[in-house]
N, C-alpha and C. Protein backbone atom coordinates (compact mmCIF):
# COMPACT_ATOMS: atom_id res chain seq x y z
N MET A 1 11.48 -7.64 -23.88
CA MET A 1 12.81 -8.23 -23.23
C MET A 1 12.87 -7.95 -21.73
N ASN A 2 12.86 -9.24 -21.37
CA ASN A 2 12.97 -9.26 -19.75
C ASN A 2 14.15 -8.87 -18.96
N VAL A 3 14.06 -8.47 -17.62
CA VAL A 3 15.23 -8.13 -17.14
C VAL A 3 16.48 -9.11 -17.27
N GLU A 4 16.19 -10.66 -17.33
CA GLU A 4 17.40 -11.26 -17.05
C GLU A 4 18.32 -11.20 -18.60
N THR A 5 17.39 -11.12 -19.72
CA THR A 5 18.16 -10.98 -20.74
C THR A 5 19.05 -9.75 -20.80
N THR A 6 18.21 -8.53 -20.51
CA THR A 6 19.06 -7.37 -20.14
C THR A 6 20.46 -7.41 -19.48
N LYS A 7 20.16 -8.23 -18.31
CA LYS A 7 21.37 -8.31 -17.16
C LYS A 7 22.60 -9.09 -18.00
N LEU A 8 21.90 -10.07 -18.71
CA LEU A 8 22.92 -10.77 -19.65
C LEU A 8 23.60 -10.05 -20.59
N GLU A 9 22.93 -9.47 -21.26
CA GLU A 9 23.42 -8.42 -22.57
C GLU A 9 24.26 -7.55 -21.61
N LEU A 10 24.10 -6.79 -20.93
CA LEU A 10 24.98 -6.00 -20.01
C LEU A 10 25.86 -6.71 -19.74
N MET A 11 25.95 -7.49 -19.13
CA MET A 11 27.38 -8.45 -18.63
C MET A 11 28.23 -8.73 -19.99
N HIS A 12 27.67 -9.20 -20.70
CA HIS A 12 28.51 -9.32 -21.96
C HIS A 12 29.26 -8.08 -22.51
N LEU A 13 28.50 -6.90 -22.67
CA LEU A 13 29.12 -5.62 -23.14
C LEU A 13 30.12 -5.45 -22.06
N LEU A 14 30.13 -5.50 -20.63
CA LEU A 14 30.96 -4.82 -19.61
C LEU A 14 32.28 -5.60 -19.95
N LEU A 15 32.03 -7.00 -20.09
CA LEU A 15 33.16 -8.10 -20.17
C LEU A 15 33.92 -7.54 -21.63
N GLN A 16 33.19 -7.06 -22.72
CA GLN A 16 34.15 -6.95 -23.66
C GLN A 16 34.70 -5.28 -23.62
N THR A 17 34.18 -4.35 -22.92
CA THR A 17 34.75 -3.09 -23.31
C THR A 17 36.33 -2.97 -22.63
N GLN A 18 36.90 -1.91 -23.18
CA GLN A 18 38.39 -1.81 -22.46
C GLN A 18 38.46 -0.40 -22.03
N LYS A 19 37.11 0.22 -22.19
CA LYS A 19 37.08 1.94 -21.99
C LYS A 19 36.92 2.06 -20.73
N GLU A 20 38.02 2.78 -20.01
CA GLU A 20 38.11 2.84 -18.40
C GLU A 20 36.88 4.01 -18.11
N SER A 21 36.64 4.84 -19.01
CA SER A 21 36.15 5.89 -18.79
C SER A 21 34.41 5.69 -18.92
N LEU A 22 33.59 4.40 -19.68
CA LEU A 22 32.40 4.01 -19.85
C LEU A 22 32.42 3.15 -18.31
N LEU A 23 33.60 2.57 -18.29
CA LEU A 23 33.31 1.55 -16.90
C LEU A 23 33.14 2.77 -15.80
N ALA A 24 33.97 3.67 -15.60
CA ALA A 24 33.46 4.93 -14.87
C ALA A 24 32.40 5.53 -14.38
N LYS A 25 31.79 5.70 -15.67
CA LYS A 25 30.41 6.31 -15.62
C LYS A 25 29.20 5.27 -15.15
N LEU A 26 29.44 4.14 -15.79
CA LEU A 26 28.45 3.14 -15.02
C LEU A 26 28.66 2.68 -13.61
N LYS A 27 30.03 2.66 -13.00
CA LYS A 27 30.06 2.42 -11.55
C LYS A 27 29.32 3.81 -11.03
N LYS A 28 29.38 4.85 -11.62
CA LYS A 28 28.63 5.98 -10.95
C LYS A 28 26.97 6.15 -10.74
N VAL A 29 26.76 5.37 -12.13
CA VAL A 29 25.29 5.47 -12.00
C VAL A 29 24.69 4.29 -10.90
N PHE A 30 25.47 3.31 -10.67
CA PHE A 30 25.18 1.98 -9.83
C PHE A 30 25.02 2.82 -8.46
N GLU A 31 26.29 3.77 -8.17
CA GLU A 31 26.38 4.34 -7.02
C GLU A 31 25.30 5.35 -6.55
N GLU A 32 24.84 6.07 -7.52
CA GLU A 32 23.53 6.89 -7.20
C GLU A 32 22.70 6.32 -6.89
N GLU A 33 22.60 5.11 -7.50
CA GLU A 33 21.08 4.39 -7.43
C GLU A 33 20.97 3.91 -6.15
N GLN A 34 22.24 3.61 -5.73
CA GLN A 34 22.01 2.91 -4.17
C GLN A 34 21.70 3.83 -3.12
N VAL A 35 20.54 3.30 -2.37
CA VAL A 35 19.82 3.74 -1.45
C VAL A 35 20.37 3.06 0.23
N ASP A 36 21.02 4.26 1.01
CA ASP A 36 21.12 4.31 2.08
C ASP A 36 20.13 4.05 2.80
N TRP A 37 19.40 2.56 3.56
CA TRP A 37 18.33 2.57 4.17
C TRP A 37 18.41 3.60 5.52
N TRP A 38 19.68 3.85 5.99
CA TRP A 38 19.79 4.62 7.52
C TRP A 38 18.98 5.95 7.28
N ASN A 39 19.30 6.61 5.90
CA ASN A 39 18.75 8.07 5.62
C ASN A 39 17.36 7.89 5.17
N GLU A 40 16.83 6.95 4.81
CA GLU A 40 15.36 6.74 4.43
C GLU A 40 14.59 6.44 5.74
N MET A 41 15.30 6.30 6.90
CA MET A 41 14.44 6.62 8.34
C MET A 41 14.09 7.75 8.71
N SER A 42 12.93 7.77 9.54
CA SER A 42 12.56 9.15 10.21
C SER A 42 13.83 9.12 11.42
N LYS A 43 13.94 10.33 11.65
CA LYS A 43 14.81 10.81 13.34
C LYS A 43 14.43 9.68 14.24
N GLU A 44 12.77 9.73 14.29
CA GLU A 44 12.68 8.83 15.72
C GLU A 44 13.00 7.68 15.29
N GLU A 45 12.92 6.99 13.90
CA GLU A 45 13.19 5.59 14.06
C GLU A 45 14.98 5.27 13.77
N GLN A 46 15.34 6.30 13.76
CA GLN A 46 16.64 6.39 13.64
C GLN A 46 17.08 6.16 15.36
N GLN A 47 16.53 6.97 16.19
CA GLN A 47 16.91 7.05 17.89
C GLN A 47 16.32 5.94 18.02
N GLU A 48 15.41 5.31 17.74
CA GLU A 48 14.84 3.97 18.29
C GLU A 48 16.04 3.00 17.96
N VAL A 49 16.60 2.73 16.84
CA VAL A 49 17.35 1.91 16.37
C VAL A 49 18.79 2.25 17.39
N GLU A 50 19.05 3.38 17.57
CA GLU A 50 20.49 3.64 18.24
C GLU A 50 20.53 3.34 19.54
N ILE A 51 19.06 3.35 20.18
CA ILE A 51 18.50 3.19 21.82
C ILE A 51 18.81 1.61 21.76
N GLY A 52 18.22 1.09 20.95
CA GLY A 52 18.43 -0.45 20.76
C GLY A 52 19.68 -0.99 20.74
N LEU A 53 20.60 -0.49 20.20
CA LEU A 53 21.95 -0.64 20.04
C LEU A 53 22.95 -0.22 21.11
N ALA A 54 22.40 0.47 21.82
CA ALA A 54 22.93 1.03 23.39
C ALA A 54 22.66 -0.24 24.32
N GLN A 55 21.22 -0.30 23.92
CA GLN A 55 20.52 -1.55 25.04
C GLN A 55 21.47 -3.22 24.83
N ALA A 56 21.62 -3.30 23.58
CA ALA A 56 22.06 -4.43 23.14
C ALA A 56 23.58 -4.69 23.88
N ASP A 57 24.61 -3.53 23.33
CA ASP A 57 25.34 -3.30 23.95
C ASP A 57 25.79 -3.65 25.62
N LYS A 58 25.11 -3.36 26.25
CA LYS A 58 24.88 -3.61 27.87
C LYS A 58 24.24 -4.75 27.92
N GLU A 59 24.18 -5.88 26.95
CA GLU A 59 23.53 -6.94 26.86
C GLU A 59 21.81 -6.93 27.83
N ASN A 60 21.20 -5.55 27.59
CA ASN A 60 20.05 -5.34 28.00
C ASN A 60 19.02 -5.60 27.05
N TYR A 61 18.67 -7.03 26.60
CA TYR A 61 17.95 -7.43 25.65
C TYR A 61 16.90 -8.66 26.04
N VAL A 62 15.98 -8.85 24.91
CA VAL A 62 15.47 -10.39 25.30
C VAL A 62 15.73 -11.28 24.00
N ALA A 63 15.89 -12.50 24.21
CA ALA A 63 16.47 -13.39 23.03
C ALA A 63 15.37 -13.71 22.13
N ASN A 64 15.57 -13.68 20.91
CA ASN A 64 14.80 -13.78 19.82
C ASN A 64 13.62 -15.28 20.43
N GLN A 65 14.39 -16.19 20.63
CA GLN A 65 13.56 -17.44 21.28
C GLN A 65 12.69 -17.22 22.06
N THR A 66 13.03 -16.29 22.97
CA THR A 66 12.19 -16.14 24.02
C THR A 66 10.67 -15.11 23.33
N VAL A 67 10.72 -14.54 22.75
CA VAL A 67 9.97 -13.54 21.92
C VAL A 67 9.24 -14.42 21.17
N MET A 68 9.75 -15.43 20.24
CA MET A 68 8.98 -16.32 19.44
C MET A 68 8.01 -17.28 20.33
N LYS A 69 8.59 -17.47 21.60
CA LYS A 69 7.64 -18.50 22.31
C LYS A 69 6.29 -17.59 22.73
N ARG A 70 6.71 -16.46 22.97
CA ARG A 70 5.57 -15.84 23.26
C ARG A 70 4.37 -15.66 22.15
N PHE A 71 4.88 -15.24 20.98
CA PHE A 71 4.13 -15.08 19.67
C PHE A 71 3.56 -16.39 19.09
N ASN A 72 3.90 -17.49 19.53
CA ASN A 72 3.71 -18.99 19.14
C ASN A 72 2.76 -19.39 19.95
N LYS A 73 2.64 -18.81 21.04
CA LYS A 73 1.32 -18.99 22.21
C LYS A 73 0.08 -18.87 21.74
N TRP A 74 0.07 -17.71 20.65
CA TRP A 74 -1.03 -17.52 19.95
C TRP A 74 -1.24 -17.92 18.84
N HIS A 75 -0.91 -18.58 18.11
CA HIS A 75 -1.25 -19.25 16.71
C HIS A 75 -1.78 -20.61 16.98
């Protein structure tokens, strides 16, 4: 059975059920499976993102177009 078939079967079952307790359990499973990318980053990476955001707030950044022009020179 492929993933798409399984999804369709699960959607069918979800639409048919009236059991709130079952829906709550399924929702909890999905919430537990979600990964917060921020928590997956190292402290150093988090600090770099925070520094970048602070710089952007002060409008201290290089536009994406400018950066891409630099890289396109070498291709």
